[in-house]
Protein backbone atom coordinates (compact mmCIF):
# COMPACT_ATOMS: atom_id res chain seq x y z
CA MET A 1 12.18 -25.22 14.43
CA GLY A 2 8.53 -24.28 13.90
CA ASP A 3 7.41 -27.28 15.96
CA VAL A 4 9.76 -26.26 18.77
CA GLN A 5 8.48 -22.65 18.75
CA ALA A 6 4.90 -23.85 18.69
CA GLY A 7 5.60 -26.12 21.62
CA VAL A 8 7.20 -23.33 23.65
CA ARG A 9 4.32 -20.95 22.87
CA GLY A 10 1.78 -23.65 23.67
CA GLY A 11 3.44 -24.35 27.00
CA PHE A 12 3.51 -20.65 27.82
CA LEU A 13 -0.16 -20.20 26.99
CA ALA A 14 -1.09 -23.30 28.96
CA ARG A 15 0.69 -21.97 32.05
CA LEU A 16 -0.79 -18.49 31.67
CA ALA A 17 -4.26 -19.89 31.01
CA ALA A 18 -4.01 -22.07 34.11
CA PHE A 19 -2.88 -19.06 36.13
CA VAL A 20 -5.73 -16.82 34.98
CA THR A 21 -8.27 -19.63 35.32
CA ALA A 22 -7.13 -20.36 38.87
CA LEU A 23 -7.63 -16.72 39.80
CA SER A 24 -11.07 -16.57 38.21
CA VAL A 25 -12.30 -19.79 39.76
CA ILE A 26 -10.86 -19.44 43.25
CA GLY A 27 -11.16 -15.65 43.33
CA GLY A 28 -9.78 -12.97 45.61
CA VAL A 29 -6.41 -11.78 46.80
CA ALA A 30 -5.72 -14.82 48.93
CA ALA A 31 -6.03 -17.07 45.90
CA ALA A 32 -3.71 -14.83 43.91
CA GLN A 33 -1.08 -14.93 46.61
CA SER A 34 -1.13 -18.73 46.66
CA THR A 35 -0.84 -19.17 42.89
CA PRO A 36 2.63 -20.56 42.04
CA ALA A 37 3.01 -18.87 38.63
CA PRO A 38 4.49 -15.37 39.01
CA PHE A 39 4.30 -13.08 36.02
CA ALA A 40 8.06 -12.56 36.20
CA GLN A 41 8.43 -16.19 35.14
CA LEU A 42 5.67 -16.11 32.54
CA PHE A 43 6.81 -12.95 30.76
CA GLY A 44 10.48 -12.88 31.66
CA ALA A 45 12.45 -9.87 30.43
CA PHE A 46 9.36 -8.11 29.07
CA PHE A 47 7.76 -8.07 32.51
CA GLU A 48 10.93 -6.67 34.05
CA GLU A 49 11.03 -4.01 31.33
CA ALA A 50 7.40 -3.11 32.03
CA VAL A 51 8.07 -2.78 35.75
CA ASP A 52 11.12 -0.60 35.05
CA HIS A 53 9.31 1.74 32.64
CA LEU A 54 6.15 2.15 34.70
CA GLY A 55 8.14 2.48 37.92
CA ARG A 56 10.47 5.09 36.43
CA TYR A 57 7.54 7.38 35.75
CA GLY A 58 5.85 6.62 39.06
CA ILE A 59 2.90 5.01 37.27
CA VAL A 60 3.23 1.74 39.19
CA THR A 61 5.04 2.00 42.50
CA GLY A 62 3.89 -1.00 44.52
CA ASP A 63 2.30 -1.09 47.93
CA PRO A 64 3.37 1.09 50.88
CA ASP A 65 5.63 -1.76 52.00
CA GLY A 66 7.44 -1.61 48.65
CA LYS A 67 6.10 -4.89 47.29
CA LEU A 68 4.67 -5.08 43.78
CA ARG A 69 2.46 -8.15 44.41
CA PRO A 70 1.95 -8.98 40.70
CA GLU A 71 -0.34 -11.92 41.47
CA ASP A 72 -2.80 -9.83 43.49
CA THR A 73 -5.88 -8.14 42.09
CA LEU A 74 -6.36 -4.39 41.76
CA THR A 75 -9.12 -2.14 43.05
CA ARG A 76 -10.93 0.38 40.88
CA ALA A 77 -9.40 3.20 42.95
CA GLU A 78 -5.88 1.82 42.48
CA ALA A 79 -6.37 1.38 38.73
CA THR A 80 -7.75 4.90 38.44
CA LYS A 81 -4.66 6.30 40.15
CA ILE A 82 -2.41 4.42 37.70
CA LEU A 83 -4.13 5.93 34.67
CA VAL A 84 -4.29 9.45 36.15
CA VAL A 85 -0.55 9.35 36.87
CA ALA A 86 0.03 8.01 33.34
CA ALA A 87 -1.97 10.97 32.04
CA GLY A 88 0.46 13.30 33.80
CA GLN A 89 -2.25 14.58 36.14
CA GLU A 90 -1.05 13.41 39.56
CA GLU A 91 -0.37 16.96 40.75
CA ALA A 92 -3.92 17.92 39.86
CA ALA A 93 -5.24 14.89 41.73
CA LEU A 94 -3.20 15.67 44.85
CA ALA A 95 -4.26 19.32 44.76
CA TRP A 96 -7.94 18.49 44.23
CA SER A 97 -10.54 19.65 46.72
CA GLY A 98 -14.26 19.90 46.47
CA ALA A 99 -17.40 17.82 46.53
CA ALA A 100 -17.02 14.07 46.29
CA PRO A 101 -17.31 12.95 42.65
CA PHE A 102 -19.50 9.96 43.57
CA PRO A 103 -21.67 9.26 46.63
CA ASP A 104 -19.47 6.32 47.66
CA VAL A 105 -16.20 8.27 47.24
CA ALA A 106 -15.50 10.19 50.44
CA ALA A 107 -13.95 13.60 49.85
CA ASP A 108 -11.14 12.78 52.31
CA ALA A 109 -10.33 9.35 50.84
CA TRP A 110 -6.79 9.03 49.45
CA TYR A 111 -8.19 8.25 46.02
CA ALA A 112 -10.85 11.00 45.84
CA GLY A 113 -8.68 13.40 43.84
CA TYR A 114 -7.66 10.69 41.39
CA VAL A 115 -11.27 9.67 40.81
CA ALA A 116 -12.36 13.30 40.41
CA VAL A 117 -9.60 14.06 37.89
CA ALA A 118 -10.26 10.82 36.02
CA GLN A 119 -13.91 11.76 35.77
CA ASP A 120 -12.99 15.22 34.45
CA LEU A 121 -10.71 13.59 31.86
CA GLY A 122 -13.51 11.29 30.75
CA LEU A 123 -11.62 8.18 31.83
CA VAL A 124 -14.18 6.87 34.32
CA GLY A 125 -17.89 6.92 34.88
CA GLY A 126 -20.11 5.48 37.55
CA TYR A 127 -22.32 2.43 37.59
CA PRO A 128 -25.99 2.74 36.62
CA ASP A 129 -26.85 3.28 40.28
CA GLY A 130 -24.55 6.32 40.38
CA THR A 131 -21.84 4.72 42.52
CA PHE A 132 -18.15 4.23 41.66
CA LYS A 133 -17.30 1.24 43.88
CA PRO A 134 -13.70 2.36 44.52
CA ARG A 135 -12.86 -0.71 46.61
CA GLY A 136 -14.30 -3.13 44.08
CA GLN A 137 -11.92 -5.21 42.00
CA ILE A 138 -11.42 -3.76 38.54
CA THR A 139 -12.07 -6.17 35.68
CA TYR A 140 -10.08 -6.57 32.48
CA ALA A 141 -12.94 -4.98 30.52
CA GLU A 142 -12.98 -1.93 32.82
CA LEU A 143 -9.19 -1.62 32.66
CA ALA A 144 -9.33 -1.82 28.87
CA ALA A 145 -11.90 1.00 28.86
CA LEU A 146 -9.64 3.21 30.99
CA THR A 147 -6.62 2.50 28.81
CA ALA A 148 -8.46 3.00 25.53
CA ARG A 149 -9.96 6.30 26.69
CA LEU A 150 -6.56 7.55 27.80
CA LEU A 151 -5.04 6.69 24.42
CA GLY A 152 -8.01 7.95 22.44
CA VAL A 153 -8.78 4.52 20.97
CA GLU A 154 -12.44 4.46 20.03
CA PRO A 155 -14.43 1.22 20.18
CA GLU A 156 -16.45 0.13 17.18
CA ALA A 157 -19.88 1.75 17.06
CA GLY A 158 -22.51 -0.55 18.47
CA GLY A 159 -19.99 -2.79 20.18
CA ALA A 160 -21.29 -4.56 23.26
CA TRP A 161 -19.89 -4.61 26.78
CA PRO A 162 -17.62 -6.17 27.96
CA ASP A 163 -15.81 -6.78 24.66
CA ARG A 164 -15.95 -3.37 22.97
CA TYR A 165 -12.88 -1.72 24.49
CA LEU A 166 -10.85 -4.92 24.67
CA SER A 167 -11.59 -5.55 21.00
CA ALA A 168 -10.63 -1.98 20.13
CA LEU A 169 -7.24 -2.33 21.84
CA VAL A 170 -6.61 -5.75 20.30
CA ASP A 171 -7.59 -4.53 16.82
CA ALA A 172 -5.25 -1.56 17.23
CA GLY A 173 -2.37 -3.91 18.09
CA LEU A 174 -2.10 -2.54 21.61
CA VAL A 175 -2.45 -5.77 23.59
CA GLN A 176 0.50 -8.10 24.10
CA PRO A 177 -0.21 -11.06 21.77
CA ASP A 178 -0.30 -13.77 24.43
CA LEU A 179 -2.59 -11.68 26.62
CA ALA A 180 -4.73 -10.87 23.58
CA ARG A 181 -5.54 -14.58 23.25
CA LEU A 182 -6.61 -14.93 26.86
CA ILE A 183 -7.88 -11.70 28.36
CA PRO A 184 -11.02 -11.48 26.18
CA THR A 185 -12.16 -14.78 27.70
CA GLN A 186 -11.65 -13.26 31.16
CA ALA A 187 -13.20 -9.85 30.41
CA ASN A 188 -15.43 -9.77 33.49
CA GLN A 189 -12.87 -11.32 35.83
CA PRO A 190 -10.82 -9.22 38.30
CA ALA A 191 -7.63 -7.91 36.68
CA VAL A 192 -4.38 -9.23 38.13
CA ARG A 193 -1.67 -6.65 38.78
CA GLY A 194 0.95 -8.45 36.72
CA ALA A 195 -1.37 -8.54 33.70
CA VAL A 196 -2.22 -4.87 34.23
CA ILE A 197 1.47 -3.97 34.18
CA VAL A 198 2.06 -5.95 30.98
CA LEU A 199 -1.09 -4.66 29.30
CA ILE A 200 -0.47 -0.98 30.05
CA HIS A 201 3.24 -1.06 29.20
CA TYR A 202 2.63 -2.81 25.89
CA ALA A 203 -0.12 -0.35 24.97
CA PHE A 204 2.02 2.68 25.87
CA GLN A 205 4.95 1.25 23.96
CA HIS A 206 2.97 0.48 20.80
CA HIS A 207 0.59 3.45 20.64
CA VAL A 208 2.59 5.54 18.19
CA VAL A 209 1.53 8.98 16.96
CA ASP A 210 3.82 10.99 14.67
CA GLY A 211 6.56 8.47 15.30
CA LEU A 212 6.39 8.83 19.09
CA THR A 213 5.21 6.25 21.60
CA TYR A 214 2.84 7.25 24.39
CA TYR A 215 5.79 7.30 26.80
CA GLU A 216 7.68 9.70 24.54
CA ARG A 217 4.68 11.96 24.05
CA ALA A 218 3.52 12.04 27.66
CA PHE A 219 6.89 12.32 29.38
CA ALA A 220 9.03 14.26 26.92
CA GLY A 221 11.38 16.49 28.86
CA SER A 222 10.76 14.61 32.10
CA ASP A 223 13.66 14.03 34.46
CA GLN A 224 12.81 10.36 34.13
CA GLU A 225 12.74 10.37 30.32
CA LEU A 226 13.84 7.03 28.93
CA PRO A 227 17.06 6.94 26.89
């Protein structure tokens, strides 16, 4: 039985590794769309559960045309919106007005309020040149930093970028085991939406404080509260 389980796991990891490697080598959205290994097949029921949970709370809603596009990459602006909504601060983001939080974030851009609120929450910071690069593709290391900051998971003192936040999440048991084996090797590669969905859902599900998951703490009393 152990040999069979090892074989299944090895096959899964080989497929996922090939998928992530293809994205990192070929690059870009077009490459992601042509990759024949959808996350729904790789993660099965867990992926569907992640989509259901994150969709129920409006954290991940798909594109304006209603498509989730799990094999596409994600921009820094899109990722910031996801974490701000997860923090329960979407109303604040939509109501925001004021000076642009970064020189390359226009005050009238759809994402300006999300970036401003995320900055206020300490979730995001700019690059050394002072820009935010909202249309740039977010990397796994950057996504890990957003997620860790939201959950209050502190990286080890003196840890180096890009591993420090990924390592902190992995050490805290907040990264899905199969992803934990692969994502650190792709830390500076653009994050794929399907992996983002799995990573965030697993972290929210396993970050337990006083017996409550992040979902239960953040959305207690919500109309969309999970049974």
